[in-house]
C-alpha atoms as a PDB file:
ATOM      1  CA  MET A   1    -129.580  39.472 111.997  1.00  0.00           C
ATOM      2  CA  ASN A   2    -131.247  40.208 108.686  1.00  0.00           C
ATOM      3  CA  LYS A   3    -133.626  43.007 107.669  1.00  0.00           C
ATOM      4  CA  THR A   4    -136.754  41.095 108.733  1.00  0.00           C
ATOM      5  CA  ASP A   5    -135.275  40.380 112.164  1.00  0.00           C
ATOM      6  CA  LEU A   6    -134.346  44.044 112.544  1.00  0.00           C
ATOM      7  CA  ILE A   7    -137.873  45.158 111.629  1.00  0.00           C
ATOM      8  CA  ASN A   8    -139.388  42.675 114.095  1.00  0.00           C
ATOM      9  CA  ASN A   9    -137.076  43.761 116.933  1.00  0.00           C
ATOM     10  CA  ILE A  10    -137.695  47.466 116.376  1.00  0.00           C
ATOM     11  CA  SER A  11    -141.437  46.855 116.165  1.00  0.00           C
ATOM     12  CA  ASN A  12    -141.439  44.893 119.427  1.00  0.00           C
ATOM     13  CA  ASN A  13    -139.335  47.499 121.262  1.00  0.00           C
ATOM     14  CA  SER A  14    -141.070  50.613 119.951  1.00  0.00           C
ATOM     15  CA  GLY A  15    -144.720  49.622 119.822  1.00  0.00           C
ATOM     16  CA  LEU A  16    -144.913  50.636 116.147  1.00  0.00           C
ATOM     17  CA  THR A  17    -146.392  48.308 113.571  1.00  0.00           C
ATOM     18  CA  LYS A  18    -144.059  46.236 111.434  1.00  0.00           C
ATOM     19  CA  ARG A  19    -145.349  48.033 108.343  1.00  0.00           C
ATOM     20  CA  ASP A  20    -144.495  51.455 109.826  1.00  0.00           C
ATOM     21  CA  VAL A  21    -141.031  50.277 110.877  1.00  0.00           C
ATOM     22  CA  GLU A  22    -140.411  48.803 107.426  1.00  0.00           C
ATOM     23  CA  THR A  23    -141.467  52.082 105.776  1.00  0.00           C
ATOM     24  CA  VAL A  24    -139.110  54.105 107.972  1.00  0.00           C
ATOM     25  CA  LEU A  25    -136.223  51.661 107.526  1.00  0.00           C
ATOM     26  CA  ASN A  26    -136.635  51.597 103.740  1.00  0.00           C
ATOM     27  CA  GLY A  27    -136.768  55.402 103.698  1.00  0.00           C
ATOM     28  CA  PHE A  28    -133.615  55.562 105.810  1.00  0.00           C
ATOM     29  CA  LEU A  29    -131.760  53.182 103.500  1.00  0.00           C
ATOM     30  CA  ASP A  30    -132.977  55.029 100.394  1.00  0.00           C
ATOM     31  CA  GLU A  31    -131.734  58.356 101.777  1.00  0.00           C
ATOM     32  CA  ILE A  32    -128.307  56.932 102.601  1.00  0.00           C
ATOM     33  CA  THR A  33    -128.089  55.384  99.125  1.00  0.00           C
ATOM     34  CA  SER A  34    -129.139  58.648  97.493  1.00  0.00           C
ATOM     35  CA  ALA A  35    -126.615  60.684  99.486  1.00  0.00           C
ATOM     36  CA  LEU A  36    -123.762  58.304  98.689  1.00  0.00           C
ATOM     37  CA  SER A  37    -124.729  58.227  95.012  1.00  0.00           C
ATOM     38  CA  SER A  38    -124.447  62.002  94.834  1.00  0.00           C
ATOM     39  CA  GLY A  39    -121.042  62.001  96.559  1.00  0.00           C
ATOM     40  CA  ASP A  40    -122.212  63.171  99.990  1.00  0.00           C
ATOM     41  CA  LYS A  41    -121.478  61.419 103.254  1.00  0.00           C
ATOM     42  CA  VAL A  42    -123.931  60.591 106.020  1.00  0.00           C
ATOM     43  CA  GLN A  43    -122.651  61.160 109.550  1.00  0.00           C
ATOM     44  CA  LEU A  44    -124.577  59.830 112.539  1.00  0.00           C
ATOM     45  CA  ILE A  45    -122.775  61.166 115.614  1.00  0.00           C
ATOM     46  CA  GLY A  46    -121.838  58.332 117.957  1.00  0.00           C
ATOM     47  CA  PHE A  47    -122.848  55.624 115.487  1.00  0.00           C
ATOM     48  CA  GLY A  48    -120.658  56.190 112.454  1.00  0.00           C
ATOM     49  CA  THR A  49    -120.176  57.650 109.018  1.00  0.00           C
ATOM     50  CA  PHE A  50    -121.250  56.283 105.639  1.00  0.00           C
ATOM     51  CA  GLU A  51    -119.115  57.582 102.775  1.00  0.00           C
ATOM     52  CA  THR A  52    -117.689  56.646  99.396  1.00  0.00           C
ATOM     53  CA  ARG A  53    -114.032  56.007  98.715  1.00  0.00           C
ATOM     54  CA  LYS A  54    -112.197  55.828  95.414  1.00  0.00           C
ATOM     55  CA  ARG A  55    -110.692  52.480  94.519  1.00  0.00           C
ATOM     56  CA  ALA A  56    -107.752  53.005  92.198  1.00  0.00           C
ATOM     57  CA  ALA A  57    -107.484  51.340  88.813  1.00  0.00           C
ATOM     58  CA  ARG A  58    -105.528  48.115  88.977  1.00  0.00           C
ATOM     59  CA  THR A  59    -104.549  45.041  87.053  1.00  0.00           C
ATOM     60  CA  GLY A  60    -106.395  41.821  87.815  1.00  0.00           C
ATOM     61  CA  ARG A  61    -106.161  38.264  86.584  1.00  0.00           C
ATOM     62  CA  ASN A  62    -108.820  35.844  85.378  1.00  0.00           C
ATOM     63  CA  PRO A  63    -108.146  32.716  87.481  1.00  0.00           C
ATOM     64  CA  GLN A  64    -109.537  30.365  84.809  1.00  0.00           C
ATOM     65  CA  THR A  65    -107.482  31.601  81.877  1.00  0.00           C
ATOM     66  CA  GLY A  66    -104.643  33.488  83.537  1.00  0.00           C
ATOM     67  CA  GLU A  67    -105.436  36.479  81.311  1.00  0.00           C
ATOM     68  CA  GLU A  68    -104.595  39.859  82.823  1.00  0.00           C
ATOM     69  CA  LEU A  69    -107.395  42.438  82.924  1.00  0.00           C
ATOM     70  CA  ASN A  70    -107.432  46.160  83.520  1.00  0.00           C
ATOM     71  CA  ILE A  71    -109.932  46.952  86.282  1.00  0.00           C
ATOM     72  CA  PRO A  72    -111.066  50.597  86.077  1.00  0.00           C
ATOM     73  CA  GLU A  73    -111.202  53.075  88.955  1.00  0.00           C
ATOM     74  CA  SER A  74    -114.443  52.924  90.947  1.00  0.00           C
ATOM     75  CA  ASN A  75    -116.226  54.386  93.944  1.00  0.00           C
ATOM     76  CA  VAL A  76    -117.102  51.987  96.765  1.00  0.00           C
ATOM     77  CA  PRO A  77    -119.294  52.546  99.831  1.00  0.00           C
ATOM     78  CA  ALA A  78    -117.547  52.513 103.205  1.00  0.00           C
ATOM     79  CA  PHE A  79    -118.576  52.732 106.859  1.00  0.00           C
ATOM     80  CA  LYS A  80    -116.455  54.069 109.678  1.00  0.00           C
ATOM     81  CA  ALA A  81    -117.758  53.230 113.161  1.00  0.00           C
ATOM     82  CA  GLY A  82    -118.197  56.040 115.705  1.00  0.00           C
ATOM     83  CA  ASN A  83    -116.843  56.044 119.260  1.00  0.00           C
ATOM     84  CA  LYS A  84    -120.101  55.002 120.982  1.00  0.00           C
ATOM     85  CA  LEU A  85    -120.498  52.043 118.635  1.00  0.00           C
ATOM     86  CA  LYS A  86    -116.875  51.000 119.140  1.00  0.00           C
ATOM     87  CA  GLU A  87    -117.286  51.195 122.928  1.00  0.00           C
ATOM     88  CA  ALA A  88    -120.524  49.185 122.837  1.00  0.00           C
ATOM     89  CA  VAL A  89    -118.865  46.424 120.809  1.00  0.00           C
ATOM     90  CA  ASN A  90    -115.844  46.256 123.049  1.00  0.00           C
END
């Protein structure tokens, strides 16, 4: 399912217009992005938690040349599923 499919499904199930659903969904995604960018985490009880994790610096290799590279430390987004979501999937 992609974003358009999600908007269509929510619109059909809620009775809201596609434009309204798209506005809410974009706002939701923007807020999660903003929170993660500032180092906060977003916890939706039962669904899951969006957070950032530090990825340690490491040595990599260019597969074309074999040259070793130093890859700096970085923050990466992560999602941890909540119990209700895990139960629904299983």
